[in-house]
Amino acid sequence: MKKLLKIFLWFVLVIVIIIVIAVGYIQLTWNKTFDAPYPDITASNDPAMIERGKYLAYGWSHCAACHVPADKVREVENGLEMPLIGGWDEEIAGFGTFRAPNLTPDPETGIGRMTDGELARAIRYCVKHDGKLLPPFMVFQGLSDEDLTAVISFLRSQEPVKNQVAPSDYGFVAKAVIAFGLLKPQGPKSTPPASIRPDTTAVYGEYLATSVGNCLGCHIKIDQAGNQVNPDFAGGGIFPPTAFSKGYGFVSPNLTPDKKTGAIADWSEEQFVNRFQGGRLHEGSPMPWNMYSRMSVNDMKAIYRFLHTLDPVGFSVEKTVYQPGEKMPQ
């Protein structure tokens, strides 16, 4: 009996030592710096370039959906064009509280002291000006050089606003996945185009849906380990209730042209455009409908045409809107 007790105590001691070493390693190494190239991007004063950046920031790229205070998000979505002063935050259990920074040219609290290359690197490679990781909330790594220039040109053109936003507060789980290399900066999957001509083709629609509007980031199912479990655009993304949704939860629909399970498989191009122009139907929907509703008809047509070139995927999404208190899928 004493021998068994002794073995047990040694086992407990070893476990405690391992935990102490692991915790110490995480605390000492999580706040690491990363290397990434600086894209050869220079902001422009060309009014057309600035206007294109503004169109993206308040529209398809929906920068303005996050880089404003939380109490202004709905006003901005409904058409208020205020400077992107930051302030939105989101708490994710175990991972911490993440805050969107001030993107106005203020030199003290905004981007005024950052170079164009540093801003371009942050957007394309998720590495901040100080070399630290940017959490993967921005998925615009595939923006063309021209559109990346346009967005940065617009950001530079804003009125400087002094608005100090506290840095994101990383929780222990987030620190652990960074320390052990499970979360790293994400760069583009392929070389982004120098430019791409806006038109109504499926090719341009693919660019909008994957690199500009982040349709792909929501219309997929992700398991609890962070792995994608179904094909692109097949839906199933789970969005639990938030402060904006008044208790409602949402699941993204299947956008592939599967006749049985595709939400828009039987829609005409006109129906698709009309739905986008109709704006928000459910107040708490995570999709920035009202921002998208102001996009050009040609852009909407391009996305429709791209989605209808996808391989049909038989992935059934039972329902997309869940009432307050209703059990959601896992």
C-alpha atoms as a PDB file:
ATOM      1  CA  MET A   1       0.000   0.000   0.000  1.00  0.00           C
ATOM      2  CA  LYS A   2       2.779   2.418   0.912  1.00  0.00           C
ATOM      3  CA  LYS A   3       4.520   1.600  -2.358  1.00  0.00           C
ATOM      4  CA  LEU A   4       1.391   2.373  -4.354  1.00  0.00           C
ATOM      5  CA  LEU A   5       0.951   5.640  -2.453  1.00  0.00           C
ATOM      6  CA  LYS A   6       4.559   6.571  -3.158  1.00  0.00           C
ATOM      7  CA  ILE A   7       4.117   5.864  -6.882  1.00  0.00           C
ATOM      8  CA  PHE A   8       0.937   7.914  -6.918  1.00  0.00           C
ATOM      9  CA  LEU A   9       2.637  10.864  -5.215  1.00  0.00           C
ATOM     10  CA  TRP A  10       5.530  10.718  -7.668  1.00  0.00           C
ATOM     11  CA  PHE A  11       3.029  10.623 -10.528  1.00  0.00           C
ATOM     12  CA  VAL A  12       1.221  13.691  -9.171  1.00  0.00           C
ATOM     13  CA  LEU A  13       4.540  15.489  -8.699  1.00  0.00           C
ATOM     14  CA  VAL A  14       5.566  14.780 -12.287  1.00  0.00           C
ATOM     15  CA  ILE A  15       2.219  16.038 -13.587  1.00  0.00           C
ATOM     16  CA  VAL A  16       2.529  19.216 -11.509  1.00  0.00           C
ATOM     17  CA  ILE A  17       6.066  19.826 -12.807  1.00  0.00           C
ATOM     18  CA  ILE A  18       4.919  19.329 -16.408  1.00  0.00           C
ATOM     19  CA  ILE A  19       2.039  21.765 -15.903  1.00  0.00           C
ATOM     20  CA  VAL A  20       4.324  24.371 -14.299  1.00  0.00           C
ATOM     21  CA  ILE A  21       6.846  24.039 -17.133  1.00  0.00           C
ATOM     22  CA  ALA A  22       4.099  24.265 -19.778  1.00  0.00           C
ATOM     23  CA  VAL A  23       2.492  27.322 -18.184  1.00  0.00           C
ATOM     24  CA  GLY A  24       5.857  29.002 -17.806  1.00  0.00           C
ATOM     25  CA  TYR A  25       6.749  28.269 -21.430  1.00  0.00           C
ATOM     26  CA  ILE A  26       3.433  29.701 -22.630  1.00  0.00           C
ATOM     27  CA  GLN A  27       3.764  32.885 -20.581  1.00  0.00           C
ATOM     28  CA  LEU A  28       7.361  33.440 -21.701  1.00  0.00           C
ATOM     29  CA  THR A  29       6.968  32.687 -25.410  1.00  0.00           C
ATOM     30  CA  TRP A  30       3.445  33.546 -26.569  1.00  0.00           C
ATOM     31  CA  ASN A  31       4.124  37.222 -27.327  1.00  0.00           C
ATOM     32  CA  LYS A  32       6.498  36.403 -30.170  1.00  0.00           C
ATOM     33  CA  THR A  33       7.335  38.398 -33.275  1.00  0.00           C
ATOM     34  CA  PHE A  34       7.031  37.179 -36.843  1.00  0.00           C
ATOM     35  CA  ASP A  35       8.721  37.917 -40.144  1.00  0.00           C
ATOM     36  CA  ALA A  36       6.723  38.848 -43.225  1.00  0.00           C
ATOM     37  CA  PRO A  37       7.521  40.884 -46.340  1.00  0.00           C
ATOM     38  CA  TYR A  38       6.442  44.468 -46.826  1.00  0.00           C
ATOM     39  CA  PRO A  39       4.290  44.735 -49.965  1.00  0.00           C
ATOM     40  CA  ASP A  40       5.441  47.417 -52.399  1.00  0.00           C
ATOM     41  CA  ILE A  41       2.397  49.613 -51.812  1.00  0.00           C
ATOM     42  CA  THR A  42       2.294  53.420 -51.782  1.00  0.00           C
ATOM     43  CA  ALA A  43      -0.830  55.377 -50.877  1.00  0.00           C
ATOM     44  CA  SER A  44      -2.239  57.572 -53.617  1.00  0.00           C
ATOM     45  CA  ASN A  45      -3.917  60.986 -53.599  1.00  0.00           C
ATOM     46  CA  ASP A  46      -5.888  60.121 -56.725  1.00  0.00           C
ATOM     47  CA  PRO A  47      -9.591  60.797 -55.937  1.00  0.00           C
ATOM     48  CA  ALA A  48     -10.698  57.747 -57.941  1.00  0.00           C
ATOM     49  CA  MET A  49      -8.353  55.487 -55.979  1.00  0.00           C
ATOM     50  CA  ILE A  50      -9.532  56.936 -52.655  1.00  0.00           C
ATOM     51  CA  GLU A  51     -13.163  56.500 -53.700  1.00  0.00           C
ATOM     52  CA  ARG A  52     -12.528  52.851 -54.582  1.00  0.00           C
ATOM     53  CA  GLY A  53     -10.990  52.322 -51.132  1.00  0.00           C
ATOM     54  CA  LYS A  54     -13.950  53.969 -49.473  1.00  0.00           C
ATOM     55  CA  TYR A  55     -16.334  51.782 -51.496  1.00  0.00           C
ATOM     56  CA  LEU A  56     -14.539  48.687 -50.239  1.00  0.00           C
ATOM     57  CA  ALA A  57     -14.170  49.860 -46.630  1.00  0.00           C
ATOM     58  CA  TYR A  58     -17.868  50.703 -46.229  1.00  0.00           C
ATOM     59  CA  GLY A  59     -19.047  47.907 -48.506  1.00  0.00           C
ATOM     60  CA  TRP A  60     -17.738  44.526 -49.615  1.00  0.00           C
ATOM     61  CA  SER A  61     -14.704  44.523 -47.315  1.00  0.00           C
ATOM     62  CA  HIS A  62     -16.858  45.936 -44.465  1.00  0.00           C
ATOM     63  CA  CYS A  63     -13.887  47.391 -42.538  1.00  0.00           C
ATOM     64  CA  ALA A  64     -16.398  49.804 -41.035  1.00  0.00           C
ATOM     65  CA  ALA A  65     -18.362  46.934 -39.489  1.00  0.00           C
ATOM     66  CA  CYS A  66     -15.613  46.529 -36.866  1.00  0.00           C
ATOM     67  CA  HIS A  67     -13.406  49.615 -36.808  1.00  0.00           C
ATOM     68  CA  VAL A  68     -15.985  51.846 -35.114  1.00  0.00           C
ATOM     69  CA  PRO A  69     -17.340  51.853 -31.546  1.00  0.00           C
ATOM     70  CA  ALA A  70     -19.856  49.082 -30.866  1.00  0.00           C
ATOM     71  CA  ASP A  71     -22.676  51.574 -30.325  1.00  0.00           C
ATOM     72  CA  LYS A  72     -22.099  52.984 -33.826  1.00  0.00           C
ATOM     73  CA  VAL A  73     -21.956  49.718 -35.756  1.00  0.00           C
ATOM     74  CA  ARG A  74     -25.624  49.688 -36.754  1.00  0.00           C
ATOM     75  CA  GLU A  75     -25.578  53.394 -37.704  1.00  0.00           C
ATOM     76  CA  VAL A  76     -22.544  52.815 -39.915  1.00  0.00           C
ATOM     77  CA  GLU A  77     -24.143  49.783 -41.482  1.00  0.00           C
ATOM     78  CA  ASN A  78     -27.183  51.924 -42.221  1.00  0.00           C
ATOM     79  CA  GLY A  79     -25.144  54.553 -44.039  1.00  0.00           C
ATOM     80  CA  LEU A  80     -23.244  56.705 -41.527  1.00  0.00           C
ATOM     81  CA  GLU A  81     -19.769  57.358 -42.951  1.00  0.00           C
ATOM     82  CA  MET A  82     -17.775  58.201 -39.856  1.00  0.00           C
ATOM     83  CA  PRO A  83     -13.971  57.926 -39.552  1.00  0.00           C
ATOM     84  CA  LEU A  84     -12.805  54.439 -38.625  1.00  0.00           C
ATOM     85  CA  ILE A  85     -11.798  55.307 -35.074  1.00  0.00           C
ATOM     86  CA  GLY A  86     -11.926  51.730 -33.737  1.00  0.00           C
ATOM     87  CA  GLY A  87     -13.449  50.573 -30.493  1.00  0.00           C
ATOM     88  CA  TRP A  88     -15.464  47.476 -31.412  1.00  0.00           C
ATOM     89  CA  ASP A  89     -14.610  44.552 -29.174  1.00  0.00           C
ATOM     90  CA  GLU A  90     -15.559  40.910 -28.799  1.00  0.00           C
ATOM     91  CA  GLU A  91     -14.951  38.558 -25.910  1.00  0.00           C
ATOM     92  CA  ILE A  92     -14.321  34.910 -26.764  1.00  0.00           C
ATOM     93  CA  ALA A  93     -14.318  32.582 -23.770  1.00  0.00           C
ATOM     94  CA  GLY A  94     -10.806  31.395 -23.001  1.00  0.00           C
ATOM     95  CA  PHE A  95      -9.288  33.337 -25.881  1.00  0.00           C
ATOM     96  CA  GLY A  96      -9.690  36.833 -24.483  1.00  0.00           C
ATOM     97  CA  THR A  97     -11.129  40.161 -25.571  1.00  0.00           C
ATOM     98  CA  PHE A  98     -10.237  41.387 -29.046  1.00  0.00           C
ATOM     99  CA  ARG A  99     -10.496  45.051 -30.001  1.00  0.00           C
ATOM    100  CA  ALA A 100     -10.449  46.754 -33.384  1.00  0.00           C
ATOM    101  CA  PRO A 101      -7.886  49.603 -33.449  1.00  0.00           C
ATOM    102  CA  ASN A 102      -8.174  53.204 -34.591  1.00  0.00           C
ATOM    103  CA  LEU A 103      -7.497  53.365 -38.364  1.00  0.00           C
ATOM    104  CA  THR A 104      -7.537  57.141 -38.760  1.00  0.00           C
ATOM    105  CA  PRO A 105      -4.249  58.987 -39.480  1.00  0.00           C
ATOM    106  CA  ASP A 106      -3.924  60.266 -35.907  1.00  0.00           C
ATOM    107  CA  PRO A 107      -0.181  59.978 -35.067  1.00  0.00           C
ATOM    108  CA  GLU A 108      -0.690  59.062 -31.408  1.00  0.00           C
ATOM    109  CA  THR A 109      -3.670  56.713 -31.329  1.00  0.00           C
ATOM    110  CA  GLY A 110      -4.102  55.752 -34.977  1.00  0.00           C
ATOM    111  CA  ILE A 111      -2.029  54.832 -38.023  1.00  0.00           C
ATOM    112  CA  GLY A 112      -0.336  58.199 -38.507  1.00  0.00           C
ATOM    113  CA  ARG A 113       3.161  56.929 -37.675  1.00  0.00           C
ATOM    114  CA  MET A 114       2.891  53.678 -39.638  1.00  0.00           C
ATOM    115  CA  THR A 115       4.320  53.382 -43.121  1.00  0.00           C
ATOM    116  CA  ASP A 116       2.275  52.254 -46.112  1.00  0.00           C
ATOM    117  CA  GLY A 117       4.338  49.075 -46.146  1.00  0.00           C
ATOM    118  CA  GLU A 118       3.500  48.340 -42.507  1.00  0.00           C
ATOM    119  CA  LEU A 119      -0.216  48.813 -43.164  1.00  0.00           C
ATOM    120  CA  ALA A 120      -0.043  46.660 -46.292  1.00  0.00           C
ATOM    121  CA  ARG A 121       1.806  43.928 -44.393  1.00  0.00           C
ATOM    122  CA  ALA A 122      -0.820  43.951 -41.643  1.00  0.00           C
ATOM    123  CA  ILE A 123      -3.647  43.451 -44.141  1.00  0.00           C
ATOM    124  CA  ARG A 124      -1.902  40.932 -46.380  1.00  0.00           C
ATOM    125  CA  TYR A 125       0.132  38.945 -43.841  1.00  0.00           C
ATOM    126  CA  CYS A 126      -1.565  39.555 -40.455  1.00  0.00           C
ATOM    127  CA  VAL A 127       1.650  40.918 -38.927  1.00  0.00           C
ATOM    128  CA  LYS A 128       1.472  44.224 -37.068  1.00  0.00           C
ATOM    129  CA  HIS A 129       3.946  47.071 -37.407  1.00  0.00           C
ATOM    130  CA  ASP A 130       5.787  45.782 -34.327  1.00  0.00           C
ATOM    131  CA  GLY A 131       6.022  42.256 -35.741  1.00  0.00           C
ATOM    132  CA  LYS A 132       3.343  40.811 -33.462  1.00  0.00           C
ATOM    133  CA  LEU A 133       0.502  38.585 -34.649  1.00  0.00           C
ATOM    134  CA  LEU A 134      -2.785  40.039 -35.821  1.00  0.00           C
ATOM    135  CA  PRO A 135      -5.611  37.625 -34.902  1.00  0.00           C
ATOM    136  CA  PRO A 136      -7.252  36.132 -38.010  1.00  0.00           C
ATOM    137  CA  PHE A 137     -10.333  38.337 -38.077  1.00  0.00           C
ATOM    138  CA  MET A 138      -9.237  40.123 -41.265  1.00  0.00           C
ATOM    139  CA  VAL A 139      -9.197  37.751 -44.231  1.00  0.00           C
ATOM    140  CA  PHE A 140      -8.271  40.080 -47.049  1.00  0.00           C
ATOM    141  CA  GLN A 141      -4.866  38.620 -47.846  1.00  0.00           C
ATOM    142  CA  GLY A 142      -5.889  38.082 -51.463  1.00  0.00           C
ATOM    143  CA  LEU A 143      -6.720  41.718 -52.226  1.00  0.00           C
ATOM    144  CA  SER A 144      -5.109  42.836 -55.461  1.00  0.00           C
ATOM    145  CA  ASP A 145      -2.235  45.296 -55.179  1.00  0.00           C
ATOM    146  CA  GLU A 146      -4.507  47.926 -56.680  1.00  0.00           C
ATOM    147  CA  ASP A 147      -7.334  47.357 -54.186  1.00  0.00           C
ATOM    148  CA  LEU A 148      -4.875  47.155 -51.290  1.00  0.00           C
ATOM    149  CA  THR A 149      -3.497  50.515 -52.425  1.00  0.00           C
ATOM    150  CA  ALA A 150      -7.041  51.875 -52.664  1.00  0.00           C
ATOM    151  CA  VAL A 151      -7.937  50.842 -49.103  1.00  0.00           C
ATOM    152  CA  ILE A 152      -4.750  52.324 -47.641  1.00  0.00           C
ATOM    153  CA  SER A 153      -5.240  55.496 -49.702  1.00  0.00           C
ATOM    154  CA  PHE A 154      -8.721  55.858 -48.240  1.00  0.00           C
ATOM    155  CA  LEU A 155      -7.479  55.273 -44.688  1.00  0.00           C
ATOM    156  CA  ARG A 156      -4.862  57.999 -45.181  1.00  0.00           C
ATOM    157  CA  SER A 157      -7.529  60.403 -46.493  1.00  0.00           C
ATOM    158  CA  GLN A 158      -9.666  60.286 -43.346  1.00  0.00           C
ATOM    159  CA  GLU A 159      -9.811  63.007 -40.742  1.00  0.00           C
ATOM    160  CA  PRO A 160      -7.326  62.191 -37.933  1.00  0.00           C
ATOM    161  CA  VAL A 161      -9.265  61.403 -34.766  1.00  0.00           C
ATOM    162  CA  LYS A 162      -7.636  60.935 -31.388  1.00  0.00           C
ATOM    163  CA  ASN A 163      -9.253  57.835 -29.928  1.00  0.00           C
ATOM    164  CA  GLN A 164      -7.178  55.562 -27.746  1.00  0.00           C
ATOM    165  CA  VAL A 165      -8.292  51.945 -28.030  1.00  0.00           C
ATOM    166  CA  ALA A 166      -6.905  49.478 -25.506  1.00  0.00           C
ATOM    167  CA  PRO A 167      -4.941  46.620 -27.049  1.00  0.00           C
ATOM    168  CA  SER A 168      -6.543  43.195 -27.312  1.00  0.00           C
ATOM    169  CA  ASP A 169      -6.353  41.183 -24.098  1.00  0.00           C
ATOM    170  CA  TYR A 170      -5.295  37.607 -24.855  1.00  0.00           C
ATOM    171  CA  GLY A 171      -6.607  34.821 -22.656  1.00  0.00           C
ATOM    172  CA  PHE A 172      -4.610  31.750 -21.674  1.00  0.00           C
ATOM    173  CA  VAL A 173      -5.996  29.548 -24.464  1.00  0.00           C
ATOM    174  CA  ALA A 174      -5.036  32.115 -27.099  1.00  0.00           C
ATOM    175  CA  LYS A 175      -1.570  32.454 -25.598  1.00  0.00           C
ATOM    176  CA  ALA A 176      -1.167  28.675 -25.620  1.00  0.00           C
ATOM    177  CA  VAL A 177      -2.104  28.206 -29.280  1.00  0.00           C
ATOM    178  CA  ILE A 178       0.282  31.011 -30.250  1.00  0.00           C
ATOM    179  CA  ALA A 179       3.112  29.715 -28.066  1.00  0.00           C
ATOM    180  CA  PHE A 180       2.868  26.203 -29.506  1.00  0.00           C
ATOM    181  CA  GLY A 181       2.644  27.459 -33.086  1.00  0.00           C
ATOM    182  CA  LEU A 182      -0.984  26.457 -33.635  1.00  0.00           C
ATOM    183  CA  LEU A 183      -1.925  30.022 -34.542  1.00  0.00           C
ATOM    184  CA  LYS A 184       0.367  31.887 -36.910  1.00  0.00           C
ATOM    185  CA  PRO A 185       0.047  34.848 -39.260  1.00  0.00           C
ATOM    186  CA  GLN A 186      -1.840  33.887 -42.409  1.00  0.00           C
ATOM    187  CA  GLY A 187      -0.584  35.196 -45.746  1.00  0.00           C
ATOM    188  CA  PRO A 188      -2.184  34.816 -49.178  1.00  0.00           C
ATOM    189  CA  LYS A 189      -2.574  31.274 -50.522  1.00  0.00           C
ATOM    190  CA  SER A 190      -1.254  32.404 -53.900  1.00  0.00           C
ATOM    191  CA  THR A 191       0.277  35.558 -55.332  1.00  0.00           C
ATOM    192  CA  PRO A 192      -2.420  38.263 -55.318  1.00  0.00           C
ATOM    193  CA  PRO A 193      -3.074  39.887 -58.699  1.00  0.00           C
ATOM    194  CA  ALA A 194      -1.613  43.297 -59.423  1.00  0.00           C
ATOM    195  CA  SER A 195      -5.099  44.411 -60.455  1.00  0.00           C
ATOM    196  CA  ILE A 196      -8.396  42.907 -61.517  1.00  0.00           C
ATOM    197  CA  ARG A 197     -10.955  44.637 -63.687  1.00  0.00           C
ATOM    198  CA  PRO A 198     -14.433  44.968 -62.165  1.00  0.00           C
ATOM    199  CA  ASP A 199     -17.064  43.376 -64.392  1.00  0.00           C
ATOM    200  CA  THR A 200     -19.924  40.886 -64.163  1.00  0.00           C
ATOM    201  CA  THR A 201     -17.951  37.709 -64.844  1.00  0.00           C
ATOM    202  CA  ALA A 202     -17.696  34.681 -62.570  1.00  0.00           C
ATOM    203  CA  VAL A 203     -13.947  35.299 -62.393  1.00  0.00           C
ATOM    204  CA  TYR A 204     -14.481  38.699 -60.808  1.00  0.00           C
ATOM    205  CA  GLY A 205     -17.249  37.238 -58.635  1.00  0.00           C
ATOM    206  CA  GLU A 206     -14.821  34.663 -57.276  1.00  0.00           C
ATOM    207  CA  TYR A 207     -12.404  37.448 -56.364  1.00  0.00           C
ATOM    208  CA  LEU A 208     -15.162  39.355 -54.544  1.00  0.00           C
ATOM    209  CA  ALA A 209     -16.455  36.287 -52.708  1.00  0.00           C
ATOM    210  CA  THR A 210     -13.072  34.941 -51.586  1.00  0.00           C
ATOM    211  CA  SER A 211     -10.714  37.912 -51.274  1.00  0.00           C
ATOM    212  CA  VAL A 212     -12.915  40.964 -50.730  1.00  0.00           C
ATOM    213  CA  GLY A 213     -16.252  40.085 -49.152  1.00  0.00           C
ATOM    214  CA  ASN A 214     -15.174  37.044 -47.093  1.00  0.00           C
ATOM    215  CA  CYS A 215     -18.294  35.082 -48.095  1.00  0.00           C
ATOM    216  CA  LEU A 216     -16.108  31.995 -47.870  1.00  0.00           C
ATOM    217  CA  GLY A 217     -15.135  32.699 -44.268  1.00  0.00           C
ATOM    218  CA  CYS A 218     -18.728  32.346 -43.042  1.00  0.00           C
ATOM    219  CA  HIS A 219     -20.339  29.902 -45.459  1.00  0.00           C
ATOM    220  CA  ILE A 220     -18.396  26.855 -44.276  1.00  0.00           C
ATOM    221  CA  LYS A 221     -18.691  24.614 -41.229  1.00  0.00           C
ATOM    222  CA  ILE A 222     -15.816  24.648 -38.732  1.00  0.00           C
ATOM    223  CA  ASP A 223     -15.474  22.008 -36.019  1.00  0.00           C
ATOM    224  CA  GLN A 224     -14.481  22.752 -32.422  1.00  0.00           C
ATOM    225  CA  ALA A 225     -10.835  22.111 -33.276  1.00  0.00           C
ATOM    226  CA  GLY A 226     -10.946  24.853 -35.907  1.00  0.00           C
ATOM    227  CA  ASN A 227     -10.928  22.523 -38.913  1.00  0.00           C
ATOM    228  CA  GLN A 228     -13.146  22.993 -41.962  1.00  0.00           C
ATOM    229  CA  VAL A 229     -15.415  19.975 -42.288  1.00  0.00           C
ATOM    230  CA  ASN A 230     -17.305  20.622 -45.524  1.00  0.00           C
ATOM    231  CA  PRO A 231     -16.522  22.069 -48.970  1.00  0.00           C
ATOM    232  CA  ASP A 232     -16.228  25.789 -49.640  1.00  0.00           C
ATOM    233  CA  PHE A 233     -19.498  27.747 -49.675  1.00  0.00           C
ATOM    234  CA  ALA A 234     -21.504  24.721 -48.462  1.00  0.00           C
ATOM    235  CA  GLY A 235     -22.673  26.592 -45.351  1.00  0.00           C
ATOM    236  CA  GLY A 236     -23.080  25.404 -41.794  1.00  0.00           C
ATOM    237  CA  GLY A 237     -21.144  28.196 -40.073  1.00  0.00           C
ATOM    238  CA  ILE A 238     -22.497  28.614 -36.537  1.00  0.00           C
ATOM    239  CA  PHE A 239     -23.051  32.089 -35.060  1.00  0.00           C
ATOM    240  CA  PRO A 240     -24.289  31.962 -31.446  1.00  0.00           C
ATOM    241  CA  PRO A 241     -26.227  34.878 -29.962  1.00  0.00           C
ATOM    242  CA  THR A 242     -24.298  38.137 -29.494  1.00  0.00           C
ATOM    243  CA  ALA A 243     -24.939  41.540 -27.963  1.00  0.00           C
ATOM    244  CA  PHE A 244     -26.396  42.623 -31.316  1.00  0.00           C
ATOM    245  CA  SER A 245     -28.643  39.635 -31.980  1.00  0.00           C
ATOM    246  CA  LYS A 246     -31.095  39.953 -29.048  1.00  0.00           C
ATOM    247  CA  GLY A 247     -30.758  36.262 -28.269  1.00  0.00           C
ATOM    248  CA  TYR A 248     -31.072  34.991 -31.832  1.00  0.00           C
ATOM    249  CA  GLY A 249     -28.509  32.593 -33.271  1.00  0.00           C
ATOM    250  CA  PHE A 250     -27.704  31.947 -36.927  1.00  0.00           C
ATOM    251  CA  VAL A 251     -26.295  29.255 -39.202  1.00  0.00           C
ATOM    252  CA  SER A 252     -24.997  30.164 -42.652  1.00  0.00           C
ATOM    253  CA  PRO A 253     -26.798  28.564 -45.618  1.00  0.00           C
ATOM    254  CA  ASN A 254     -25.391  26.377 -48.385  1.00  0.00           C
ATOM    255  CA  LEU A 255     -24.588  28.645 -51.358  1.00  0.00           C
ATOM    256  CA  THR A 256     -23.661  25.920 -53.828  1.00  0.00           C
ATOM    257  CA  PRO A 257     -26.125  25.176 -56.673  1.00  0.00           C
ATOM    258  CA  ASP A 258     -27.250  21.839 -55.243  1.00  0.00           C
ATOM    259  CA  LYS A 259     -30.927  21.503 -56.179  1.00  0.00           C
ATOM    260  CA  LYS A 260     -31.946  19.883 -52.879  1.00  0.00           C
ATOM    261  CA  THR A 261     -29.868  21.730 -50.275  1.00  0.00           C
ATOM    262  CA  GLY A 262     -28.577  24.915 -51.953  1.00  0.00           C
ATOM    263  CA  ALA A 263     -30.384  27.976 -50.574  1.00  0.00           C
ATOM    264  CA  ILE A 264     -30.090  29.955 -53.811  1.00  0.00           C
ATOM    265  CA  ALA A 265     -29.941  27.108 -56.313  1.00  0.00           C
ATOM    266  CA  ASP A 266     -33.308  28.029 -57.819  1.00  0.00           C
ATOM    267  CA  TRP A 267     -32.911  31.801 -57.597  1.00  0.00           C
ATOM    268  CA  SER A 268     -32.691  33.887 -60.723  1.00  0.00           C
ATOM    269  CA  GLU A 269     -30.025  36.550 -61.019  1.00  0.00           C
ATOM    270  CA  GLU A 270     -32.732  39.168 -60.522  1.00  0.00           C
ATOM    271  CA  GLN A 271     -33.921  37.505 -57.305  1.00  0.00           C
ATOM    272  CA  PHE A 272     -30.367  37.406 -56.004  1.00  0.00           C
ATOM    273  CA  VAL A 273     -29.810  41.114 -56.719  1.00  0.00           C
ATOM    274  CA  ASN A 274     -33.173  42.046 -55.195  1.00  0.00           C
ATOM    275  CA  ARG A 275     -32.362  40.125 -52.020  1.00  0.00           C
ATOM    276  CA  PHE A 276     -29.076  41.969 -51.598  1.00  0.00           C
ATOM    277  CA  GLN A 277     -30.667  45.323 -52.278  1.00  0.00           C
ATOM    278  CA  GLY A 278     -33.367  44.516 -49.734  1.00  0.00           C
ATOM    279  CA  GLY A 279     -30.882  44.711 -46.862  1.00  0.00           C
ATOM    280  CA  ARG A 280     -31.287  43.237 -43.394  1.00  0.00           C
ATOM    281  CA  LEU A 281     -34.272  41.035 -42.575  1.00  0.00           C
ATOM    282  CA  HIS A 282     -33.133  39.773 -39.157  1.00  0.00           C
ATOM    283  CA  GLU A 283     -31.649  42.458 -36.907  1.00  0.00           C
ATOM    284  CA  GLY A 284     -29.088  40.174 -35.334  1.00  0.00           C
ATOM    285  CA  SER A 285     -27.779  38.524 -38.501  1.00  0.00           C
ATOM    286  CA  PRO A 286     -23.955  38.460 -38.514  1.00  0.00           C
ATOM    287  CA  MET A 287     -23.941  39.312 -42.229  1.00  0.00           C
ATOM    288  CA  PRO A 288     -23.601  43.083 -42.838  1.00  0.00           C
ATOM    289  CA  TRP A 289     -26.589  43.095 -45.184  1.00  0.00           C
ATOM    290  CA  ASN A 290     -27.090  46.847 -45.291  1.00  0.00           C
ATOM    291  CA  MET A 291     -23.471  47.440 -46.290  1.00  0.00           C
ATOM    292  CA  TYR A 292     -23.767  44.872 -49.045  1.00  0.00           C
ATOM    293  CA  SER A 293     -27.080  46.379 -50.177  1.00  0.00           C
ATOM    294  CA  ARG A 294     -25.265  49.516 -51.360  1.00  0.00           C
ATOM    295  CA  MET A 295     -22.904  47.625 -53.646  1.00  0.00           C
ATOM    296  CA  SER A 296     -23.117  47.958 -57.400  1.00  0.00           C
ATOM    297  CA  VAL A 297     -25.521  45.708 -59.282  1.00  0.00           C
ATOM    298  CA  ASN A 298     -22.623  44.509 -61.422  1.00  0.00           C
ATOM    299  CA  ASP A 299     -20.762  43.280 -58.340  1.00  0.00           C
ATOM    300  CA  MET A 300     -23.858  41.412 -57.179  1.00  0.00           C
ATOM    301  CA  LYS A 301     -24.263  39.817 -60.602  1.00  0.00           C
ATOM    302  CA  ALA A 302     -20.622  38.732 -60.613  1.00  0.00           C
ATOM    303  CA  ILE A 303     -21.008  36.951 -57.272  1.00  0.00           C
ATOM    304  CA  TYR A 304     -24.234  35.262 -58.409  1.00  0.00           C
ATOM    305  CA  ARG A 305     -22.530  33.996 -61.551  1.00  0.00           C
ATOM    306  CA  PHE A 306     -19.543  32.717 -59.592  1.00  0.00           C
ATOM    307  CA  LEU A 307     -21.679  30.857 -57.045  1.00  0.00           C
ATOM    308  CA  HIS A 308     -23.508  29.104 -59.863  1.00  0.00           C
ATOM    309  CA  THR A 309     -20.226  27.784 -61.278  1.00  0.00           C
ATOM    310  CA  LEU A 310     -19.492  25.878 -58.054  1.00  0.00           C
ATOM    311  CA  ASP A 311     -19.834  22.117 -57.853  1.00  0.00           C
ATOM    312  CA  PRO A 312     -23.161  21.270 -56.178  1.00  0.00           C
ATOM    313  CA  VAL A 313     -22.646  20.065 -52.608  1.00  0.00           C
ATOM    314  CA  GLY A 314     -25.376  18.085 -50.872  1.00  0.00           C
ATOM    315  CA  PHE A 315     -24.938  19.634 -47.444  1.00  0.00           C
ATOM    316  CA  SER A 316     -28.189  20.249 -45.622  1.00  0.00           C
ATOM    317  CA  VAL A 317     -28.581  23.229 -43.302  1.00  0.00           C
ATOM    318  CA  GLU A 318     -31.791  22.488 -41.397  1.00  0.00           C
ATOM    319  CA  LYS A 319     -32.497  26.115 -40.513  1.00  0.00           C
ATOM    320  CA  THR A 320     -30.617  29.388 -40.502  1.00  0.00           C
ATOM    321  CA  VAL A 321     -32.356  31.394 -37.735  1.00  0.00           C
ATOM    322  CA  TYR A 322     -32.698  30.161 -34.140  1.00  0.00           C
ATOM    323  CA  GLN A 323     -35.020  31.775 -31.610  1.00  0.00           C
ATOM    324  CA  PRO A 324     -33.698  33.018 -28.234  1.00  0.00           C
ATOM    325  CA  GLY A 325     -33.103  29.989 -26.007  1.00  0.00           C
ATOM    326  CA  GLU A 326     -33.481  27.500 -28.856  1.00  0.00           C
ATOM    327  CA  LYS A 327     -30.751  24.863 -28.961  1.00  0.00           C
ATOM    328  CA  MET A 328     -28.332  25.411 -31.807  1.00  0.00           C
ATOM    329  CA  PRO A 329     -26.262  22.754 -33.630  1.00  0.00           C
ATOM    330  CA  GLN A 330     -22.722  22.139 -32.442  1.00  0.00           C
END
